[in-house]
Each structure stands twice: as structure tokens, then as C-alpha cells.
Amino acid sequence: NHWTHITTAKDNHGYNSGMATLVKIGPKGETLSHKFVVMGGTLANSNTRTADIEMIDLVQPNPQFVLQQPMYQPGTNIHAVMLPAGKVLLRGGAGPGGGSFETANMTRHMMFNPADGTTTTLAKSTFLGALHKTVMLLPDATTIAMAGDRSAMVATGDRVFSPGDQDT
């Protein structure tokens, strides 16, 4: 019983980055693909936030992290949820910092497509929450983004996204 080091990601994503696991199973139960996606967090050996998204396919003979299209701005405390169609909905928290609300926070939801590595910016959120939030997949394939602070875990304005929602 031991761990084996496979490879190292470019960034030190840490505990405050978003993560998603995508597994494709073949008709005989074999693992066709086992991708792990990590987004945001901090650069190695610093507290500088990153917009990087990195993905690794653990089924490959020599798996390596590969940079994907980045998020629209650097950030930490990213939450991610896998959608039934294979895309990943991202909800941000703290942005790169700066004087405006937009740069201090990740104000927009994003959609990451593991099939082609692209990221699309979606709807703007008015309640952000950093660590104190969640995004979940509901039984009808919608997602709910909720919370935003410690005192109102179901804040006014929680947002349900329907499949195909392109609200910007």
C-alpha cells in the first residue's frame, strides 16, 4: 500500500482550486478515459492566483498535465460540477485582486468543455462567497449555485441553470 508519483502540474492549485473527474466506461466495463481537471488556485511557491486549467488523462501510458484554455481571470475557491453532457460548470470565488468588485471577485460562472479544452464565460453572479458556497447538479439536470456567506447559506438570488443556458 503506497502512493506512486505520476507527474506534477504546472501550478500549485492547492485546496482552494476547483476539481472535476471525468470517467468514460466502455461497453464491457473497461475504463476508456479517466480525466482529472483542476482549475484556478495559486502559482507554485507563491500566493499569486492563476487562471490556468490543467487536465490529465490517467489512462494514458505516460499521463501528463496539459494546459487548457484558461478561465477569464485568475481566481481561487473555484467550485466545479460535472454536467450530464460531459461539460463542467465553474463557479468562482476570489479574483486576482484589485480596486474594483470585478477584479476582487470571480463574478461570472464559466463552462469548461473537456472535449476540446475551451472555456466559455456565462452568467454574472451577484453573490460570490469564496469558500462559503456550492454548486450542485439537481435530478432534472439543472444546477443550483447557492450560498454566498456564512449567515445566509441560501442567499436571495440563488441561480438555477438549465442545460444549454447561455445567459451572459
Protein backbone atom coordinates (compact mmCIF):
# COMPACT_ATOMS: atom_id res chain seq x y z
CA ASN A 1 0.00 0.00 0.00
CA HIS A 2 1.76 3.09 -1.24
CA TRP A 3 1.34 6.10 -3.49
CA THR A 4 3.20 6.44 -6.78
CA HIS A 5 4.13 9.91 -8.07
CA ILE A 6 2.96 10.19 -11.68
CA THR A 7 3.68 13.79 -12.67
CA THR A 8 3.48 17.35 -11.38
CA ALA A 9 1.05 20.03 -12.52
CA LYS A 10 2.40 23.43 -13.62
CA ASP A 11 0.56 25.26 -10.83
CA ASN A 12 0.23 24.62 -7.12
CA HIS A 13 -3.56 24.50 -7.25
CA GLY A 14 -3.90 23.75 -3.54
CA TYR A 15 -7.08 23.11 -1.60
CA ASN A 16 -8.77 26.24 -2.94
CA SER A 17 -8.99 25.24 -6.59
CA GLY A 18 -11.83 23.60 -8.48
CA MET A 19 -11.58 19.96 -9.45
CA ALA A 20 -13.60 17.54 -11.53
CA THR A 21 -13.18 13.90 -12.51
CA LEU A 22 -14.47 12.62 -15.85
CA VAL A 23 -14.61 8.87 -16.38
CA LYS A 24 -15.74 7.12 -19.59
CA ILE A 25 -16.59 3.43 -19.25
CA GLY A 26 -16.71 1.10 -22.27
CA PRO A 27 -19.44 -1.45 -23.05
CA LYS A 28 -17.53 -4.23 -21.25
CA GLY A 29 -16.90 -2.13 -18.14
CA GLU A 30 -13.37 -1.10 -19.15
CA THR A 31 -12.11 2.40 -18.38
CA LEU A 32 -11.73 4.22 -21.70
CA SER A 33 -10.74 7.56 -20.21
CA HIS A 34 -10.16 8.87 -16.69
CA LYS A 35 -9.55 12.61 -16.83
CA PHE A 36 -8.87 14.81 -13.83
CA VAL A 37 -9.33 18.57 -14.31
CA VAL A 38 -8.07 21.23 -11.91
CA MET A 39 -8.64 24.98 -12.25
CA GLY A 40 -7.55 28.14 -10.51
CA GLY A 41 -5.62 28.24 -7.27
CA THR A 42 -2.13 29.64 -6.84
CA LEU A 43 1.13 29.51 -8.75
CA ALA A 44 3.83 27.25 -7.33
CA ASN A 45 5.77 28.77 -4.40
CA SER A 46 3.67 31.96 -4.28
CA ASN A 47 0.26 33.33 -3.39
CA THR A 48 -0.30 34.66 -6.91
CA ARG A 49 -3.62 33.42 -8.26
CA THR A 50 -3.82 31.64 -11.59
CA ALA A 51 -6.41 31.36 -14.38
CA ASP A 52 -4.91 28.08 -15.56
CA ILE A 53 -6.95 24.96 -16.19
CA GLU A 54 -4.92 21.75 -16.35
CA MET A 55 -6.13 18.29 -17.35
CA ILE A 56 -4.57 14.84 -17.17
CA ASP A 57 -5.88 11.55 -18.59
CA LEU A 58 -4.79 8.81 -16.18
CA VAL A 59 -5.46 6.05 -18.75
CA GLN A 60 -2.62 7.27 -20.99
CA PRO A 61 0.63 5.25 -20.81
CA ASN A 62 2.59 8.30 -19.60
CA PRO A 63 -0.05 10.68 -18.17
CA GLN A 64 0.90 14.37 -18.11
CA PHE A 65 -0.99 17.51 -17.12
CA VAL A 66 -1.87 19.59 -20.20
CA LEU A 67 -2.82 23.27 -20.06
CA GLN A 68 -6.29 24.05 -21.41
CA GLN A 69 -7.88 27.39 -22.31
CA PRO A 70 -7.69 29.45 -19.10
CA MET A 71 -10.51 30.97 -17.10
CA TYR A 72 -11.42 34.58 -17.94
CA GLN A 73 -9.33 35.83 -14.98
CA PRO A 74 -7.18 34.34 -12.21
CA GLY A 75 -9.02 33.11 -9.14
CA THR A 76 -9.22 30.80 -6.17
CA ASN A 77 -12.01 28.97 -4.37
CA ILE A 78 -13.46 27.71 -7.65
CA HIS A 79 -16.29 25.19 -7.37
CA ALA A 80 -16.97 22.76 -10.21
CA VAL A 81 -19.80 20.38 -11.07
CA MET A 82 -19.87 17.78 -13.85
CA LEU A 83 -22.89 18.02 -16.12
CA PRO A 84 -24.58 15.04 -17.81
CA ALA A 85 -23.42 16.16 -21.28
CA GLY A 86 -19.77 15.99 -20.16
CA LYS A 87 -19.05 19.69 -19.57
CA VAL A 88 -18.03 21.23 -16.23
CA LEU A 89 -19.82 24.26 -14.72
CA LEU A 90 -17.44 26.51 -12.77
CA ARG A 91 -18.44 28.97 -10.09
CA GLY A 92 -15.70 31.27 -8.89
CA GLY A 93 -14.82 32.97 -5.65
CA ALA A 94 -11.89 35.32 -5.11
CA GLY A 95 -10.47 37.01 -8.21
CA PRO A 96 -6.94 38.27 -8.84
CA GLY A 97 -7.40 41.28 -6.57
CA GLY A 98 -7.58 44.95 -7.34
CA GLY A 99 -9.69 48.01 -6.72
CA SER A 100 -12.92 47.01 -8.45
CA PHE A 101 -15.57 44.47 -7.48
CA GLU A 102 -14.98 42.70 -10.81
CA THR A 103 -11.26 42.12 -10.18
CA ALA A 104 -11.59 41.34 -6.48
CA ASN A 105 -14.06 38.56 -7.26
CA MET A 106 -14.79 35.88 -9.85
CA THR A 107 -18.17 37.35 -10.79
CA ARG A 108 -19.08 35.12 -13.74
CA HIS A 109 -19.89 31.44 -13.99
CA MET A 110 -17.91 29.54 -16.65
CA MET A 111 -18.37 26.35 -18.67
CA PHE A 112 -15.34 24.15 -19.34
CA ASN A 113 -15.53 21.67 -22.21
CA PRO A 114 -13.07 18.79 -21.63
CA ALA A 115 -13.61 17.50 -25.18
CA ASP A 116 -11.82 20.50 -26.73
CA GLY A 117 -10.32 22.29 -23.71
CA THR A 118 -12.33 25.50 -24.18
CA THR A 119 -13.83 27.72 -21.50
CA THR A 120 -16.93 29.86 -22.06
CA THR A 121 -17.91 32.75 -19.78
CA LEU A 122 -21.57 32.61 -18.71
CA ALA A 123 -23.86 34.47 -16.33
CA LYS A 124 -22.73 37.04 -13.77
CA SER A 125 -23.35 36.29 -10.12
CA THR A 126 -24.11 38.97 -7.55
CA PHE A 127 -23.34 36.74 -4.56
CA LEU A 128 -19.95 35.13 -4.60
CA GLY A 129 -18.98 33.59 -1.31
CA ALA A 130 -15.39 32.43 -1.80
CA LEU A 131 -15.25 29.28 0.35
CA HIS A 132 -18.84 29.54 1.60
CA LYS A 133 -20.80 28.40 -1.44
CA THR A 134 -21.62 25.39 -3.54
CA VAL A 135 -22.89 24.40 -6.94
CA MET A 136 -24.77 21.12 -7.33
CA LEU A 137 -26.35 19.03 -10.04
CA LEU A 138 -30.07 18.50 -9.47
CA PRO A 139 -32.01 15.38 -10.55
CA ASP A 140 -33.57 17.16 -13.56
CA ALA A 141 -30.07 18.07 -14.95
CA THR A 142 -30.28 21.69 -13.84
CA THR A 143 -27.68 23.01 -11.43
CA ILE A 144 -28.12 25.29 -8.48
CA ALA A 145 -25.50 27.77 -7.33
CA MET A 146 -26.20 28.71 -3.74
CA ALA A 147 -24.92 30.28 -0.58
CA GLY A 148 -22.54 33.17 -0.59
CA ASP A 149 -21.76 33.90 3.03
CA ARG A 150 -21.87 32.26 6.44
CA SER A 151 -25.06 33.98 7.59
CA ALA A 152 -27.29 33.18 4.60
CA MET A 153 -26.48 29.73 3.28
CA VAL A 154 -29.38 30.05 0.83
CA ALA A 155 -28.97 33.64 -0.25
CA THR A 156 -31.61 35.63 -2.10
CA GLY A 157 -30.86 35.32 -5.79
CA ASP A 158 -29.65 31.72 -5.93
CA ARG A 159 -29.43 30.75 -9.56
CA VAL A 160 -30.66 27.60 -11.28
CA PHE A 161 -29.03 26.90 -14.68
CA SER A 162 -30.91 24.81 -17.19
CA PRO A 163 -29.00 22.68 -19.72
CA GLY A 164 -27.99 24.90 -22.63
CA ASP A 165 -28.40 28.14 -20.63
CA GLN A 166 -26.36 30.81 -22.43
CA ASP A 167 -27.26 33.76 -20.19
CA THR A 168 -24.44 36.32 -20.15
